[in-house]
Amino acid sequence: MAKMCGLRWRYGAALRGAMVVVALCLCGLQAWARPAASDAVGPKVTGYTMPATEVWDLAADSGEVYRIFVSYPAGKEDEAPEDGYPVLYVLDGNAYFGSFAQARWVQDDLPVGKSIVVGVGYPGDAAWDVRRLKDFTAPLLDPPPRQWRALAQYESGARRQFLDFLTGKLREEIARRHRVDPDRQSLFGHSLGGLFALYAFYERPGAFHSIVAASPSMEWNAQGILEDERAFTARLASGAIAGTSRLMVVVGDRDTDDDPEPARALVDRLDRLSGQGLRVRLHRYPDEVHVSVPARAVTDVLRFAFEIR
């Protein structure tokens, strides 16, 4: 009898265990089959807003409206350096501000994070706006070069007005909202934005502390930017320029959209002018293509922009 009872007990225990496993599996299936509404807290979140950022629109004197994205050391205005925070202006802000803002935010307690990043973009959610063609370029040649004919339908040639906006009204508005160092304002641009960055470097050599031209589209208008370079170097050699920005050119070795060789040759030419106080460097990314260069370069750009010379 005892043996029989033992068998019944072991069999019953095994059966009970099996039933528990089955019950757990069924519960899991039921939980998987229905939404876990009880786990939700508050209303549904439809988007993500990065901390320590703000977004607002600003109209230039021309009437053009720009979307301005700002990342800053939130709640730390009283901890700003005596001369204020350095500022990096990032062109094509819709596309690139997020990367720069995130890198600055997570390094908030490090020297590179004690800064302000300003993305300059356009109203809307698209990464790039056709207005960039107008803002970043010299007027398209007439007739246009063969490879640019398709772009003749769009406006171009407002780079001087856009530079006025960057160094005038926008800079004043950022200074009104935040404690900034007027002597440490830097600029980043990629592709056509990189072309504009070179133009800013040549046209107003002292307007920015540091300039980064990433994969600059130097082929625009049959390499018309070379005329700006020649005029700049002539002024520099004659002593007409008292001081210049620091320049970093960033390229991807696998860039097939903008041949990296002209950018490398540019750095070689400008490096010969170091005797006139010009400081230029080249940063190459062997595995990067045109569109991946900015994301790869973020930390290097921040370090370059916020170095104290």
C-alpha atoms as a PDB file:
ATOM      1  CA  MET A   1       0.000   0.000   0.000  1.00  0.00           C
ATOM      2  CA  ALA A   2       2.789   2.375   0.891  1.00  0.00           C
ATOM      3  CA  LYS A   3       4.447   1.590  -2.433  1.00  0.00           C
ATOM      4  CA  MET A   4       1.190   2.185  -4.232  1.00  0.00           C
ATOM      5  CA  CYS A   5       0.708   5.475  -2.365  1.00  0.00           C
ATOM      6  CA  GLY A   6       4.238   6.497  -3.292  1.00  0.00           C
ATOM      7  CA  LEU A   7       3.591   5.763  -6.925  1.00  0.00           C
ATOM      8  CA  ARG A   8       0.342   7.700  -6.775  1.00  0.00           C
ATOM      9  CA  TRP A   9       2.114  10.612  -5.104  1.00  0.00           C
ATOM     10  CA  ARG A  10       4.959  10.712  -7.628  1.00  0.00           C
ATOM     11  CA  TYR A  11       2.544  10.351 -10.502  1.00  0.00           C
ATOM     12  CA  GLY A  12       0.271  13.022  -9.045  1.00  0.00           C
ATOM     13  CA  ALA A  13       3.203  15.358  -8.432  1.00  0.00           C
ATOM     14  CA  ALA A  14       4.411  14.867 -11.986  1.00  0.00           C
ATOM     15  CA  LEU A  15       0.916  15.485 -13.305  1.00  0.00           C
ATOM     16  CA  ARG A  16       0.494  18.575 -11.169  1.00  0.00           C
ATOM     17  CA  GLY A  17       3.875  19.860 -12.413  1.00  0.00           C
ATOM     18  CA  ALA A  18       2.917  19.268 -16.003  1.00  0.00           C
ATOM     19  CA  MET A  19      -0.362  21.077 -15.490  1.00  0.00           C
ATOM     20  CA  VAL A  20       1.502  24.064 -13.990  1.00  0.00           C
ATOM     21  CA  VAL A  21       3.791  24.212 -17.031  1.00  0.00           C
ATOM     22  CA  VAL A  22       0.820  24.030 -19.382  1.00  0.00           C
ATOM     23  CA  ALA A  23      -0.951  26.745 -17.405  1.00  0.00           C
ATOM     24  CA  LEU A  24       2.099  29.002 -17.574  1.00  0.00           C
ATOM     25  CA  CYS A  25       2.394  28.442 -21.304  1.00  0.00           C
ATOM     26  CA  LEU A  26      -1.292  29.246 -21.801  1.00  0.00           C
ATOM     27  CA  CYS A  27      -0.920  32.401 -19.720  1.00  0.00           C
ATOM     28  CA  GLY A  28       2.068  33.393 -21.801  1.00  0.00           C
ATOM     29  CA  LEU A  29       0.144  32.806 -25.024  1.00  0.00           C
ATOM     30  CA  GLN A  30      -2.780  34.816 -23.725  1.00  0.00           C
ATOM     31  CA  ALA A  31      -0.464  37.641 -22.675  1.00  0.00           C
ATOM     32  CA  TRP A  32       1.176  37.580 -26.088  1.00  0.00           C
ATOM     33  CA  ALA A  33      -2.183  37.571 -27.860  1.00  0.00           C
ATOM     34  CA  ARG A  34      -3.578  40.683 -26.161  1.00  0.00           C
ATOM     35  CA  PRO A  35      -2.067  44.172 -25.702  1.00  0.00           C
ATOM     36  CA  ALA A  36      -0.457  44.707 -22.309  1.00  0.00           C
ATOM     37  CA  ALA A  37      -2.643  47.723 -21.661  1.00  0.00           C
ATOM     38  CA  SER A  38      -2.130  47.500 -17.934  1.00  0.00           C
ATOM     39  CA  ASP A  39       1.606  48.165 -18.406  1.00  0.00           C
ATOM     40  CA  ALA A  40       1.054  51.513 -20.158  1.00  0.00           C
ATOM     41  CA  VAL A  41       1.569  54.669 -18.120  1.00  0.00           C
ATOM     42  CA  GLY A  42      -0.101  57.869 -19.241  1.00  0.00           C
ATOM     43  CA  PRO A  43      -1.068  58.856 -22.790  1.00  0.00           C
ATOM     44  CA  LYS A  44       0.565  57.339 -25.845  1.00  0.00           C
ATOM     45  CA  VAL A  45       3.867  59.023 -26.757  1.00  0.00           C
ATOM     46  CA  THR A  46       3.973  59.855 -30.460  1.00  0.00           C
ATOM     47  CA  GLY A  47       7.478  61.278 -30.739  1.00  0.00           C
ATOM     48  CA  TYR A  48      10.790  61.817 -29.017  1.00  0.00           C
ATOM     49  CA  THR A  49      12.123  65.195 -27.963  1.00  0.00           C
ATOM     50  CA  MET A  50      15.788  65.301 -27.091  1.00  0.00           C
ATOM     51  CA  PRO A  51      16.465  66.883 -23.683  1.00  0.00           C
ATOM     52  CA  ALA A  52      18.247  70.229 -23.467  1.00  0.00           C
ATOM     53  CA  THR A  53      17.022  71.354 -26.888  1.00  0.00           C
ATOM     54  CA  GLU A  54      14.697  73.990 -28.299  1.00  0.00           C
ATOM     55  CA  VAL A  55      13.300  74.669 -31.755  1.00  0.00           C
ATOM     56  CA  TRP A  56      11.971  77.920 -33.179  1.00  0.00           C
ATOM     57  CA  ASP A  57      11.653  79.764 -36.483  1.00  0.00           C
ATOM     58  CA  LEU A  58      13.427  82.966 -37.437  1.00  0.00           C
ATOM     59  CA  ALA A  59      12.872  85.159 -40.484  1.00  0.00           C
ATOM     60  CA  ALA A  60      15.835  86.727 -42.235  1.00  0.00           C
ATOM     61  CA  ASP A  61      15.650  90.329 -43.406  1.00  0.00           C
ATOM     62  CA  SER A  62      14.886  88.940 -46.877  1.00  0.00           C
ATOM     63  CA  GLY A  63      11.719  87.342 -45.490  1.00  0.00           C
ATOM     64  CA  GLU A  64      13.079  83.779 -45.779  1.00  0.00           C
ATOM     65  CA  VAL A  65      12.104  81.693 -42.738  1.00  0.00           C
ATOM     66  CA  TYR A  66      14.588  79.286 -41.170  1.00  0.00           C
ATOM     67  CA  ARG A  67      14.023  76.599 -38.568  1.00  0.00           C
ATOM     68  CA  ILE A  68      16.547  76.933 -35.773  1.00  0.00           C
ATOM     69  CA  PHE A  69      17.465  73.962 -33.571  1.00  0.00           C
ATOM     70  CA  VAL A  70      19.482  74.603 -30.401  1.00  0.00           C
ATOM     71  CA  SER A  71      21.241  72.225 -27.992  1.00  0.00           C
ATOM     72  CA  TYR A  72      22.628  73.845 -24.854  1.00  0.00           C
ATOM     73  CA  PRO A  73      23.707  73.003 -21.278  1.00  0.00           C
ATOM     74  CA  ALA A  74      20.200  73.273 -19.813  1.00  0.00           C
ATOM     75  CA  GLY A  75      19.999  74.692 -16.298  1.00  0.00           C
ATOM     76  CA  LYS A  76      23.679  75.555 -16.320  1.00  0.00           C
ATOM     77  CA  GLU A  77      23.686  79.175 -17.412  1.00  0.00           C
ATOM     78  CA  ASP A  78      25.347  80.095 -14.106  1.00  0.00           C
ATOM     79  CA  GLU A  79      28.104  77.582 -14.926  1.00  0.00           C
ATOM     80  CA  ALA A  80      28.931  79.142 -18.282  1.00  0.00           C
ATOM     81  CA  PRO A  81      32.575  80.104 -18.853  1.00  0.00           C
ATOM     82  CA  GLU A  82      33.403  83.687 -18.003  1.00  0.00           C
ATOM     83  CA  ASP A  83      33.366  84.611 -21.691  1.00  0.00           C
ATOM     84  CA  GLY A  84      30.245  82.545 -22.435  1.00  0.00           C
ATOM     85  CA  TYR A  85      29.681  79.254 -24.222  1.00  0.00           C
ATOM     86  CA  PRO A  86      31.294  78.590 -27.616  1.00  0.00           C
ATOM     87  CA  VAL A  87      28.823  77.972 -30.452  1.00  0.00           C
ATOM     88  CA  LEU A  88      28.835  75.602 -33.445  1.00  0.00           C
ATOM     89  CA  TYR A  89      26.466  76.390 -36.322  1.00  0.00           C
ATOM     90  CA  VAL A  90      25.463  73.255 -38.261  1.00  0.00           C
ATOM     91  CA  LEU A  91      24.070  73.722 -41.764  1.00  0.00           C
ATOM     92  CA  ASP A  92      21.295  71.419 -43.025  1.00  0.00           C
ATOM     93  CA  GLY A  93      20.048  71.344 -39.453  1.00  0.00           C
ATOM     94  CA  ASN A  94      17.058  69.115 -40.249  1.00  0.00           C
ATOM     95  CA  ALA A  95      19.457  66.353 -41.290  1.00  0.00           C
ATOM     96  CA  TYR A  96      22.424  66.792 -38.948  1.00  0.00           C
ATOM     97  CA  PHE A  97      21.393  68.648 -35.797  1.00  0.00           C
ATOM     98  CA  GLY A  98      20.243  65.480 -34.014  1.00  0.00           C
ATOM     99  CA  SER A  99      23.649  63.818 -34.295  1.00  0.00           C
ATOM    100  CA  PHE A 100      25.545  66.835 -33.029  1.00  0.00           C
ATOM    101  CA  ALA A 101      23.028  67.573 -30.257  1.00  0.00           C
ATOM    102  CA  GLN A 102      23.135  64.004 -28.952  1.00  0.00           C
ATOM    103  CA  ALA A 103      26.941  63.981 -28.907  1.00  0.00           C
ATOM    104  CA  ARG A 104      27.040  67.292 -27.055  1.00  0.00           C
ATOM    105  CA  TRP A 105      24.325  66.249 -24.578  1.00  0.00           C
ATOM    106  CA  VAL A 106      25.914  62.954 -23.489  1.00  0.00           C
ATOM    107  CA  GLN A 107      29.219  64.792 -22.984  1.00  0.00           C
ATOM    108  CA  ASP A 108      27.560  67.578 -21.027  1.00  0.00           C
ATOM    109  CA  ASP A 109      30.021  67.249 -18.128  1.00  0.00           C
ATOM    110  CA  LEU A 110      33.076  67.204 -20.392  1.00  0.00           C
ATOM    111  CA  PRO A 111      34.686  70.306 -21.923  1.00  0.00           C
ATOM    112  CA  VAL A 112      33.277  69.531 -25.383  1.00  0.00           C
ATOM    113  CA  GLY A 113      29.754  69.420 -23.938  1.00  0.00           C
ATOM    114  CA  LYS A 114      30.014  72.845 -22.340  1.00  0.00           C
ATOM    115  CA  SER A 115      28.950  74.457 -25.570  1.00  0.00           C
ATOM    116  CA  ILE A 116      25.984  75.330 -27.746  1.00  0.00           C
ATOM    117  CA  VAL A 117      25.065  73.647 -31.036  1.00  0.00           C
ATOM    118  CA  VAL A 118      22.800  75.530 -33.434  1.00  0.00           C
ATOM    119  CA  GLY A 119      21.233  73.692 -36.366  1.00  0.00           C
ATOM    120  CA  VAL A 120      20.156  75.933 -39.232  1.00  0.00           C
ATOM    121  CA  GLY A 121      17.420  74.303 -41.277  1.00  0.00           C
ATOM    122  CA  TYR A 122      14.045  74.853 -42.873  1.00  0.00           C
ATOM    123  CA  PRO A 123      10.401  74.423 -41.765  1.00  0.00           C
ATOM    124  CA  GLY A 124       9.171  70.878 -42.403  1.00  0.00           C
ATOM    125  CA  ASP A 125      10.297  67.345 -41.662  1.00  0.00           C
ATOM    126  CA  ALA A 126      12.388  66.597 -44.756  1.00  0.00           C
ATOM    127  CA  ALA A 127      16.096  66.044 -44.175  1.00  0.00           C
ATOM    128  CA  TRP A 128      17.039  68.404 -47.000  1.00  0.00           C
ATOM    129  CA  ASP A 129      15.202  71.328 -48.546  1.00  0.00           C
ATOM    130  CA  VAL A 130      15.727  72.559 -52.097  1.00  0.00           C
ATOM    131  CA  ARG A 131      16.263  76.049 -50.638  1.00  0.00           C
ATOM    132  CA  ARG A 132      19.733  74.943 -49.616  1.00  0.00           C
ATOM    133  CA  LEU A 133      20.736  75.245 -53.279  1.00  0.00           C
ATOM    134  CA  LYS A 134      19.905  78.930 -53.187  1.00  0.00           C
ATOM    135  CA  ASP A 135      21.519  79.573 -49.793  1.00  0.00           C
ATOM    136  CA  PHE A 136      24.783  77.686 -50.296  1.00  0.00           C
ATOM    137  CA  THR A 137      25.846  78.557 -53.843  1.00  0.00           C
ATOM    138  CA  ALA A 138      27.025  81.220 -56.228  1.00  0.00           C
ATOM    139  CA  PRO A 139      24.640  81.913 -59.142  1.00  0.00           C
ATOM    140  CA  LEU A 140      24.478  78.998 -61.571  1.00  0.00           C
ATOM    141  CA  LEU A 141      26.382  79.739 -64.760  1.00  0.00           C
ATOM    142  CA  ASP A 142      24.391  80.612 -67.880  1.00  0.00           C
ATOM    143  CA  PRO A 143      24.346  78.325 -69.724  1.00  0.00           C
ATOM    144  CA  PRO A 144      24.809  75.870 -66.853  1.00  0.00           C
ATOM    145  CA  PRO A 145      27.441  73.129 -66.986  1.00  0.00           C
ATOM    146  CA  ARG A 146      26.031  69.883 -68.380  1.00  0.00           C
ATOM    147  CA  GLN A 147      25.911  68.066 -65.017  1.00  0.00           C
ATOM    148  CA  TRP A 148      23.979  70.924 -63.406  1.00  0.00           C
ATOM    149  CA  ARG A 149      21.348  71.565 -66.098  1.00  0.00           C
ATOM    150  CA  ALA A 150      18.630  69.743 -64.161  1.00  0.00           C
ATOM    151  CA  LEU A 151      19.104  72.205 -61.292  1.00  0.00           C
ATOM    152  CA  ALA A 152      18.601  75.284 -63.457  1.00  0.00           C
ATOM    153  CA  GLN A 153      14.880  75.190 -62.595  1.00  0.00           C
ATOM    154  CA  TYR A 154      15.686  76.066 -58.974  1.00  0.00           C
ATOM    155  CA  GLU A 155      16.949  79.308 -57.483  1.00  0.00           C
ATOM    156  CA  SER A 156      20.646  79.649 -56.700  1.00  0.00           C
ATOM    157  CA  GLY A 157      23.138  82.365 -55.861  1.00  0.00           C
ATOM    158  CA  ALA A 158      22.062  83.779 -52.467  1.00  0.00           C
ATOM    159  CA  ARG A 159      25.152  82.714 -50.529  1.00  0.00           C
ATOM    160  CA  ARG A 160      26.131  86.262 -49.561  1.00  0.00           C
ATOM    161  CA  GLN A 161      22.695  87.021 -48.116  1.00  0.00           C
ATOM    162  CA  PHE A 162      22.715  83.727 -46.227  1.00  0.00           C
ATOM    163  CA  LEU A 163      26.159  84.496 -44.791  1.00  0.00           C
ATOM    164  CA  ASP A 164      24.808  87.879 -43.679  1.00  0.00           C
ATOM    165  CA  PHE A 165      21.988  86.075 -41.868  1.00  0.00           C
ATOM    166  CA  LEU A 166      24.344  83.604 -40.169  1.00  0.00           C
ATOM    167  CA  THR A 167      26.765  86.228 -38.940  1.00  0.00           C
ATOM    168  CA  GLY A 168      24.148  88.890 -38.252  1.00  0.00           C
ATOM    169  CA  LYS A 169      20.534  88.352 -37.224  1.00  0.00           C
ATOM    170  CA  LEU A 170      20.861  84.693 -36.234  1.00  0.00           C
ATOM    171  CA  ARG A 171      24.014  85.241 -34.205  1.00  0.00           C
ATOM    172  CA  GLU A 172      22.393  88.160 -32.419  1.00  0.00           C
ATOM    173  CA  GLU A 173      19.313  86.082 -31.572  1.00  0.00           C
ATOM    174  CA  ILE A 174      21.400  83.230 -30.165  1.00  0.00           C
ATOM    175  CA  ALA A 175      23.332  85.729 -28.028  1.00  0.00           C
ATOM    176  CA  ARG A 176      20.057  87.193 -26.773  1.00  0.00           C
ATOM    177  CA  ARG A 177      18.817  83.782 -25.625  1.00  0.00           C
ATOM    178  CA  HIS A 178      22.071  82.308 -24.277  1.00  0.00           C
ATOM    179  CA  ARG A 179      25.409  83.359 -22.818  1.00  0.00           C
ATOM    180  CA  VAL A 180      27.809  82.921 -25.722  1.00  0.00           C
ATOM    181  CA  ASP A 181      31.441  83.700 -26.470  1.00  0.00           C
ATOM    182  CA  PRO A 182      31.419  86.046 -29.496  1.00  0.00           C
ATOM    183  CA  ASP A 183      35.003  85.080 -30.340  1.00  0.00           C
ATOM    184  CA  ARG A 184      34.362  81.327 -30.497  1.00  0.00           C
ATOM    185  CA  GLN A 185      31.699  80.859 -33.161  1.00  0.00           C
ATOM    186  CA  SER A 186      32.259  77.921 -35.524  1.00  0.00           C
ATOM    187  CA  LEU A 187      30.610  76.548 -38.673  1.00  0.00           C
ATOM    188  CA  PHE A 188      30.007  73.054 -40.104  1.00  0.00           C
ATOM    189  CA  GLY A 189      28.690  72.295 -43.572  1.00  0.00           C
ATOM    190  CA  HIS A 190      28.483  69.135 -45.681  1.00  0.00           C
ATOM    191  CA  SER A 191      28.357  68.694 -49.459  1.00  0.00           C
ATOM    192  CA  LEU A 192      26.910  71.949 -50.833  1.00  0.00           C
ATOM    193  CA  GLY A 193      27.007  73.090 -47.214  1.00  0.00           C
ATOM    194  CA  GLY A 194      30.715  72.267 -47.249  1.00  0.00           C
ATOM    195  CA  LEU A 195      31.078  74.383 -50.378  1.00  0.00           C
ATOM    196  CA  PHE A 196      29.372  77.236 -48.528  1.00  0.00           C
ATOM    197  CA  ALA A 197      31.717  76.713 -45.560  1.00  0.00           C
ATOM    198  CA  LEU A 198      34.689  77.262 -47.885  1.00  0.00           C
ATOM    199  CA  TYR A 199      33.028  80.385 -49.265  1.00  0.00           C
ATOM    200  CA  ALA A 200      32.549  81.741 -45.735  1.00  0.00           C
ATOM    201  CA  PHE A 201      36.209  80.981 -44.997  1.00  0.00           C
ATOM    202  CA  TYR A 202      37.364  82.921 -48.067  1.00  0.00           C
ATOM    203  CA  GLU A 203      34.834  85.751 -47.941  1.00  0.00           C
ATOM    204  CA  ARG A 204      34.981  86.589 -44.217  1.00  0.00           C
ATOM    205  CA  PRO A 205      38.161  85.029 -42.847  1.00  0.00           C
ATOM    206  CA  GLY A 206      37.652  86.271 -39.298  1.00  0.00           C
ATOM    207  CA  ALA A 207      33.918  85.683 -38.950  1.00  0.00           C
ATOM    208  CA  PHE A 208      34.297  82.207 -37.415  1.00  0.00           C
ATOM    209  CA  HIS A 209      36.762  80.757 -34.949  1.00  0.00           C
ATOM    210  CA  SER A 210      36.757  77.391 -36.759  1.00  0.00           C
ATOM    211  CA  ILE A 211      35.223  76.103 -39.991  1.00  0.00           C
ATOM    212  CA  VAL A 212      34.660  72.496 -41.050  1.00  0.00           C
ATOM    213  CA  ALA A 213      33.989  71.736 -44.715  1.00  0.00           C
ATOM    214  CA  ALA A 214      32.850  68.115 -45.053  1.00  0.00           C
ATOM    215  CA  SER A 215      32.923  66.537 -48.540  1.00  0.00           C
ATOM    216  CA  PRO A 216      32.654  70.015 -50.121  1.00  0.00           C
ATOM    217  CA  SER A 217      31.027  70.050 -53.566  1.00  0.00           C
ATOM    218  CA  MET A 218      33.908  71.922 -55.165  1.00  0.00           C
ATOM    219  CA  GLU A 219      32.812  70.900 -58.647  1.00  0.00           C
ATOM    220  CA  TRP A 220      29.860  73.333 -58.519  1.00  0.00           C
ATOM    221  CA  ASN A 221      29.884  75.780 -61.446  1.00  0.00           C
ATOM    222  CA  ALA A 222      32.974  74.216 -63.046  1.00  0.00           C
ATOM    223  CA  GLN A 223      34.922  74.613 -59.778  1.00  0.00           C
ATOM    224  CA  GLY A 224      34.095  78.290 -59.487  1.00  0.00           C
ATOM    225  CA  ILE A 225      35.100  78.167 -55.815  1.00  0.00           C
ATOM    226  CA  LEU A 226      38.720  78.207 -57.024  1.00  0.00           C
ATOM    227  CA  GLU A 227      38.259  81.865 -57.988  1.00  0.00           C
ATOM    228  CA  ASP A 228      37.270  82.629 -54.397  1.00  0.00           C
ATOM    229  CA  GLU A 229      40.334  80.712 -53.187  1.00  0.00           C
ATOM    230  CA  ARG A 230      42.691  82.660 -55.449  1.00  0.00           C
ATOM    231  CA  ALA A 231      41.239  85.994 -54.339  1.00  0.00           C
ATOM    232  CA  PHE A 232      41.584  84.929 -50.699  1.00  0.00           C
ATOM    233  CA  THR A 233      45.198  83.797 -51.021  1.00  0.00           C
ATOM    234  CA  ALA A 234      46.113  87.044 -52.801  1.00  0.00           C
ATOM    235  CA  ARG A 235      44.617  89.094 -49.967  1.00  0.00           C
ATOM    236  CA  LEU A 236      46.355  86.926 -47.382  1.00  0.00           C
ATOM    237  CA  ALA A 237      49.742  87.237 -49.096  1.00  0.00           C
ATOM    238  CA  SER A 238      49.368  91.014 -49.367  1.00  0.00           C
ATOM    239  CA  GLY A 239      48.697  91.370 -45.643  1.00  0.00           C
ATOM    240  CA  ALA A 240      45.131  92.564 -46.206  1.00  0.00           C
ATOM    241  CA  ILE A 241      43.809  89.821 -43.912  1.00  0.00           C
ATOM    242  CA  ALA A 242      44.710  90.216 -40.251  1.00  0.00           C
ATOM    243  CA  GLY A 243      43.519  86.794 -39.100  1.00  0.00           C
ATOM    244  CA  THR A 244      41.681  83.752 -40.396  1.00  0.00           C
ATOM    245  CA  SER A 245      39.481  80.939 -39.174  1.00  0.00           C
ATOM    246  CA  ARG A 246      40.976  77.530 -38.472  1.00  0.00           C
ATOM    247  CA  LEU A 247      39.892  75.170 -41.256  1.00  0.00           C
ATOM    248  CA  MET A 248      39.340  71.421 -41.222  1.00  0.00           C
ATOM    249  CA  VAL A 249      38.396  69.585 -44.412  1.00  0.00           C
ATOM    250  CA  VAL A 250      36.684  66.227 -43.870  1.00  0.00           C
ATOM    251  CA  VAL A 251      36.410  63.599 -46.601  1.00  0.00           C
ATOM    252  CA  GLY A 252      35.443  59.958 -47.043  1.00  0.00           C
ATOM    253  CA  ASP A 253      37.831  57.904 -49.146  1.00  0.00           C
ATOM    254  CA  ARG A 254      34.911  55.994 -50.696  1.00  0.00           C
ATOM    255  CA  ASP A 255      33.023  59.171 -51.638  1.00  0.00           C
ATOM    256  CA  THR A 256      31.872  58.788 -55.245  1.00  0.00           C
ATOM    257  CA  ASP A 257      29.553  61.828 -55.196  1.00  0.00           C
ATOM    258  CA  ASP A 258      32.275  64.381 -54.527  1.00  0.00           C
ATOM    259  CA  ASP A 259      35.732  63.218 -55.556  1.00  0.00           C
ATOM    260  CA  PRO A 260      37.873  63.578 -52.416  1.00  0.00           C
ATOM    261  CA  GLU A 261      41.041  64.332 -54.386  1.00  0.00           C
ATOM    262  CA  PRO A 262      40.270  68.048 -55.009  1.00  0.00           C
ATOM    263  CA  ALA A 263      39.668  68.508 -51.263  1.00  0.00           C
ATOM    264  CA  ARG A 264      43.010  66.894 -50.452  1.00  0.00           C
ATOM    265  CA  ALA A 265      44.744  69.068 -53.044  1.00  0.00           C
ATOM    266  CA  LEU A 266      43.065  72.111 -51.509  1.00  0.00           C
ATOM    267  CA  VAL A 267      44.506  71.322 -48.075  1.00  0.00           C
ATOM    268  CA  ASP A 268      47.963  70.903 -49.618  1.00  0.00           C
ATOM    269  CA  ARG A 269      47.721  74.322 -51.270  1.00  0.00           C
ATOM    270  CA  LEU A 270      46.463  76.090 -48.168  1.00  0.00           C
ATOM    271  CA  ASP A 271      48.968  74.372 -45.919  1.00  0.00           C
ATOM    272  CA  ARG A 272      51.730  76.184 -47.802  1.00  0.00           C
ATOM    273  CA  LEU A 273      50.305  79.441 -46.413  1.00  0.00           C
ATOM    274  CA  SER A 274      50.954  78.515 -42.779  1.00  0.00           C
ATOM    275  CA  GLY A 275      53.607  81.239 -42.706  1.00  0.00           C
ATOM    276  CA  GLN A 276      50.773  83.771 -43.004  1.00  0.00           C
ATOM    277  CA  GLY A 277      49.089  82.284 -39.948  1.00  0.00           C
ATOM    278  CA  LEU A 278      46.727  79.936 -41.779  1.00  0.00           C
ATOM    279  CA  ARG A 279      45.919  76.731 -39.895  1.00  0.00           C
ATOM    280  CA  VAL A 280      44.351  73.914 -41.923  1.00  0.00           C
ATOM    281  CA  ARG A 281      44.052  70.161 -41.480  1.00  0.00           C
ATOM    282  CA  LEU A 282      42.593  67.227 -43.378  1.00  0.00           C
ATOM    283  CA  HIS A 283      40.608  64.434 -41.708  1.00  0.00           C
ATOM    284  CA  ARG A 284      40.035  61.317 -43.801  1.00  0.00           C
ATOM    285  CA  TYR A 285      37.649  58.426 -43.124  1.00  0.00           C
ATOM    286  CA  PRO A 286      38.757  55.417 -45.196  1.00  0.00           C
ATOM    287  CA  ASP A 287      35.474  53.482 -45.078  1.00  0.00           C
ATOM    288  CA  GLU A 288      32.963  56.327 -45.443  1.00  0.00           C
ATOM    289  CA  VAL A 289      30.894  57.359 -48.452  1.00  0.00           C
ATOM    290  CA  HIS A 290      29.434  60.785 -49.135  1.00  0.00           C
ATOM    291  CA  VAL A 291      26.261  60.514 -47.050  1.00  0.00           C
ATOM    292  CA  SER A 292      27.935  58.768 -44.091  1.00  0.00           C
ATOM    293  CA  VAL A 293      30.737  61.277 -43.552  1.00  0.00           C
ATOM    294  CA  PRO A 294      28.828  63.706 -41.260  1.00  0.00           C
ATOM    295  CA  ALA A 295      27.712  61.048 -38.762  1.00  0.00           C
ATOM    296  CA  ARG A 296      31.230  59.620 -38.642  1.00  0.00           C
ATOM    297  CA  ALA A 297      32.762  63.063 -38.133  1.00  0.00           C
ATOM    298  CA  VAL A 298      30.562  64.427 -35.328  1.00  0.00           C
ATOM    299  CA  THR A 299      32.922  64.004 -32.374  1.00  0.00           C
ATOM    300  CA  ASP A 300      35.965  65.122 -34.364  1.00  0.00           C
ATOM    301  CA  VAL A 301      34.089  68.236 -35.468  1.00  0.00           C
ATOM    302  CA  LEU A 302      33.032  69.102 -31.911  1.00  0.00           C
ATOM    303  CA  ARG A 303      36.584  68.711 -30.641  1.00  0.00           C
ATOM    304  CA  PHE A 304      37.959  70.832 -33.459  1.00  0.00           C
ATOM    305  CA  ALA A 305      35.317  73.529 -33.063  1.00  0.00           C
ATOM    306  CA  PHE A 306      35.705  73.858 -29.313  1.00  0.00           C
ATOM    307  CA  GLU A 307      39.468  73.743 -28.998  1.00  0.00           C
ATOM    308  CA  ILE A 308      40.912  76.916 -27.503  1.00  0.00           C
ATOM    309  CA  ARG A 309      43.567  78.436 -29.699  1.00  0.00           C
END
